[in-house]
C-alpha atoms as a PDB file:
ATOM      1  CA  MET A   1     -39.527  43.185  17.582  1.00  0.00           C
ATOM      2  CA  THR A   2     -36.924  43.510  14.533  1.00  0.00           C
ATOM      3  CA  MET A   3     -36.377  46.550  12.301  1.00  0.00           C
ATOM      4  CA  THR A   4     -36.813  45.038   8.535  1.00  0.00           C
ATOM      5  CA  ASN A   5     -35.973  48.071   6.808  1.00  0.00           C
ATOM      6  CA  PRO A   6     -34.028  51.477   7.623  1.00  0.00           C
ATOM      7  CA  GLU A   7     -36.987  53.456   6.646  1.00  0.00           C
ATOM      8  CA  HIS A   8     -38.734  52.098   9.566  1.00  0.00           C
ATOM      9  CA  ALA A   9     -35.480  52.670  11.712  1.00  0.00           C
ATOM     10  CA  PHE A  10     -35.802  56.369  10.874  1.00  0.00           C
ATOM     11  CA  LEU A  11     -39.375  56.671  11.023  1.00  0.00           C
ATOM     12  CA  ILE A  12     -39.268  55.559  15.040  1.00  0.00           C
ATOM     13  CA  ILE A  13     -36.122  57.925  15.605  1.00  0.00           C
ATOM     14  CA  LEU A  14     -37.617  60.799  13.985  1.00  0.00           C
ATOM     15  CA  ILE A  15     -41.042  60.359  16.117  1.00  0.00           C
ATOM     16  CA  ILE A  16     -39.085  60.197  18.880  1.00  0.00           C
ATOM     17  CA  GLY A  17     -36.963  63.187  18.448  1.00  0.00           C
ATOM     18  CA  VAL A  18     -40.379  64.878  17.833  1.00  0.00           C
ATOM     19  CA  VAL A  19     -41.757  63.812  20.853  1.00  0.00           C
ATOM     20  CA  THR A  20     -38.599  64.700  23.006  1.00  0.00           C
ATOM     21  CA  LEU A  21     -38.400  68.685  21.570  1.00  0.00           C
ATOM     22  CA  ALA A  22     -42.193  68.909  21.723  1.00  0.00           C
ATOM     23  CA  THR A  23     -41.963  68.051  25.764  1.00  0.00           C
ATOM     24  CA  ARG A  24     -39.026  70.932  25.845  1.00  0.00           C
ATOM     25  CA  LEU A  25     -40.977  73.244  23.784  1.00  0.00           C
ATOM     26  CA  LEU A  26     -44.416  72.933  25.487  1.00  0.00           C
ATOM     27  CA  PRO A  27     -43.608  74.948  28.393  1.00  0.00           C
ATOM     28  CA  VAL A  28     -42.327  77.521  27.030  1.00  0.00           C
ATOM     29  CA  LEU A  29     -45.693  77.680  24.539  1.00  0.00           C
ATOM     30  CA  VAL A  30     -47.785  77.444  27.749  1.00  0.00           C
ATOM     31  CA  PHE A  31     -46.229  79.629  30.255  1.00  0.00           C
ATOM     32  CA  GLY A  32     -44.084  81.758  27.890  1.00  0.00           C
ATOM     33  CA  ARG A  33     -40.519  83.100  28.700  1.00  0.00           C
ATOM     34  CA  GLY A  34     -40.104  85.476  31.742  1.00  0.00           C
ATOM     35  CA  LYS A  35     -43.759  84.716  32.889  1.00  0.00           C
ATOM     36  CA  LYS A  36     -44.324  83.851  36.518  1.00  0.00           C
ATOM     37  CA  VAL A  37     -44.521  80.049  36.901  1.00  0.00           C
ATOM     38  CA  PRO A  38     -48.255  79.171  38.574  1.00  0.00           C
ATOM     39  CA  ASP A  39     -47.791  78.164  42.105  1.00  0.00           C
ATOM     40  CA  TYR A  40     -49.812  74.856  41.550  1.00  0.00           C
ATOM     41  CA  ILE A  41     -47.321  73.991  38.602  1.00  0.00           C
ATOM     42  CA  LEU A  42     -44.410  74.926  41.495  1.00  0.00           C
ATOM     43  CA  TYR A  43     -45.808  72.471  44.107  1.00  0.00           C
ATOM     44  CA  LEU A  44     -45.923  69.779  41.494  1.00  0.00           C
ATOM     45  CA  GLY A  45     -42.759  70.297  40.498  1.00  0.00           C
ATOM     46  CA  LYS A  46     -41.718  69.894  44.336  1.00  0.00           C
ATOM     47  CA  VAL A  47     -43.996  66.954  45.328  1.00  0.00           C
ATOM     48  CA  VAL A  48     -44.264  64.548  42.066  1.00  0.00           C
ATOM     49  CA  PRO A  49     -40.207  63.448  42.107  1.00  0.00           C
ATOM     50  CA  TYR A  50     -41.082  62.044  45.797  1.00  0.00           C
ATOM     51  CA  THR A  51     -44.316  60.632  44.955  1.00  0.00           C
ATOM     52  CA  ALA A  52     -42.530  58.937  41.776  1.00  0.00           C
ATOM     53  CA  MET A  53     -39.780  57.371  43.941  1.00  0.00           C
ATOM     54  CA  GLY A  54     -42.669  56.264  46.438  1.00  0.00           C
ATOM     55  CA  LEU A  55     -44.627  54.718  44.357  1.00  0.00           C
ATOM     56  CA  LEU A  56     -41.299  52.825  42.627  1.00  0.00           C
ATOM     57  CA  ILE A  57     -40.480  51.634  46.146  1.00  0.00           C
ATOM     58  CA  VAL A  58     -43.771  49.998  46.461  1.00  0.00           C
ATOM     59  CA  TYR A  59     -43.596  48.487  42.970  1.00  0.00           C
ATOM     60  CA  CYS A  60     -40.237  47.158  43.596  1.00  0.00           C
ATOM     61  CA  LEU A  61     -41.128  45.659  46.860  1.00  0.00           C
ATOM     62  CA  LYS A  62     -44.782  44.677  46.419  1.00  0.00           C
ATOM     63  CA  ASP A  63     -43.838  40.830  45.751  1.00  0.00           C
ATOM     64  CA  VAL A  64     -40.957  40.494  48.106  1.00  0.00           C
ATOM     65  CA  SER A  65     -41.787  37.771  50.754  1.00  0.00           C
ATOM     66  CA  VAL A  66     -39.995  37.612  53.860  1.00  0.00           C
ATOM     67  CA  ILE A  67     -41.542  34.199  54.741  1.00  0.00           C
ATOM     68  CA  HIS A  68     -39.602  32.624  51.869  1.00  0.00           C
ATOM     69  CA  ALA A  69     -35.759  32.358  51.006  1.00  0.00           C
ATOM     70  CA  PRO A  70     -34.039  34.761  50.645  1.00  0.00           C
ATOM     71  CA  HIS A  71     -36.435  36.420  53.214  1.00  0.00           C
ATOM     72  CA  ALA A  72     -36.212  39.715  51.460  1.00  0.00           C
ATOM     73  CA  ILE A  73     -32.152  40.458  52.716  1.00  0.00           C
ATOM     74  CA  PRO A  74     -31.106  41.271  49.073  1.00  0.00           C
ATOM     75  CA  GLU A  75     -33.948  44.002  48.590  1.00  0.00           C
ATOM     76  CA  LEU A  76     -33.727  45.385  51.894  1.00  0.00           C
ATOM     77  CA  ALA A  77     -29.812  45.401  51.671  1.00  0.00           C
ATOM     78  CA  ALA A  78     -30.484  47.144  48.480  1.00  0.00           C
ATOM     79  CA  LEU A  79     -32.613  49.742  49.674  1.00  0.00           C
ATOM     80  CA  ALA A  80     -30.365  50.323  52.580  1.00  0.00           C
ATOM     81  CA  VAL A  81     -27.422  50.983  50.448  1.00  0.00           C
ATOM     82  CA  VAL A  82     -29.548  53.385  48.362  1.00  0.00           C
ATOM     83  CA  VAL A  83     -30.934  55.441  51.388  1.00  0.00           C
ATOM     84  CA  GLY A  84     -27.166  55.308  52.946  1.00  0.00           C
ATOM     85  CA  THR A  85     -25.578  56.633  49.478  1.00  0.00           C
ATOM     86  CA  TYR A  86     -28.100  59.402  49.146  1.00  0.00           C
ATOM     87  CA  LEU A  87     -27.837  60.695  52.408  1.00  0.00           C
ATOM     88  CA  TRP A  88     -23.733  60.517  52.244  1.00  0.00           C
ATOM     89  CA  LYS A  89     -23.496  61.960  48.696  1.00  0.00           C
ATOM     90  CA  ARG A  90     -27.154  63.480  47.831  1.00  0.00           C
ATOM     91  CA  ASN A  91     -26.803  62.048  44.506  1.00  0.00           C
ATOM     92  CA  THR A  92     -29.843  60.261  42.998  1.00  0.00           C
ATOM     93  CA  ILE A  93     -28.308  58.279  40.232  1.00  0.00           C
ATOM     94  CA  PHE A  94     -25.240  57.601  42.102  1.00  0.00           C
ATOM     95  CA  SER A  95     -27.492  55.841  44.941  1.00  0.00           C
ATOM     96  CA  VAL A  96     -30.187  53.856  42.303  1.00  0.00           C
ATOM     97  CA  VAL A  97     -26.411  52.677  40.393  1.00  0.00           C
ATOM     98  CA  ILE A  98     -24.654  51.508  43.552  1.00  0.00           C
ATOM     99  CA  GLY A  99     -28.126  49.952  45.222  1.00  0.00           C
ATOM    100  CA  THR A 100     -28.645  47.905  41.768  1.00  0.00           C
ATOM    101  CA  VAL A 101     -25.011  46.738  41.672  1.00  0.00           C
ATOM    102  CA  VAL A 102     -25.389  45.565  44.961  1.00  0.00           C
ATOM    103  CA  TYR A 103     -29.216  44.036  44.692  1.00  0.00           C
ATOM    104  CA  MET A 104     -27.356  42.093  41.490  1.00  0.00           C
ATOM    105  CA  VAL A 105     -24.359  40.976  42.979  1.00  0.00           C
ATOM    106  CA  LEU A 106     -26.230  39.531  46.097  1.00  0.00           C
ATOM    107  CA  ILE A 107     -28.813  37.954  43.677  1.00  0.00           C
ATOM    108  CA  GLN A 108     -26.316  36.563  41.486  1.00  0.00           C
ATOM    109  CA  LEU A 109     -23.418  35.547  43.866  1.00  0.00           C
ATOM    110  CA  VAL A 110     -24.913  35.076  47.014  1.00  0.00           C
ATOM    111  CA  PHE A 111     -28.241  34.042  47.037  1.00  0.00           C
END
């Protein structure tokens, strides 16, 4: 999709900005300032990140074949690097970036 005019680009940026602002303001409007956040929202805040990560892992590994070359070696190596770096540094972004780099190097240069 190409932008044909500046007005179209401006409209897209404006809509993205409004939606981003709405996601920041919605919790304040719903729960108010200084009010106690309901327990179920706190529970969701604890379990949803792990659920989303599990879903991403399943999605990324669903079509990997251990029977055909490269026998899931790049995927399993990258997964091990992500887990290892997370346990070492406790930094999710760092772990995902390093795991992605390892995977791309293995795919492009080795296999």
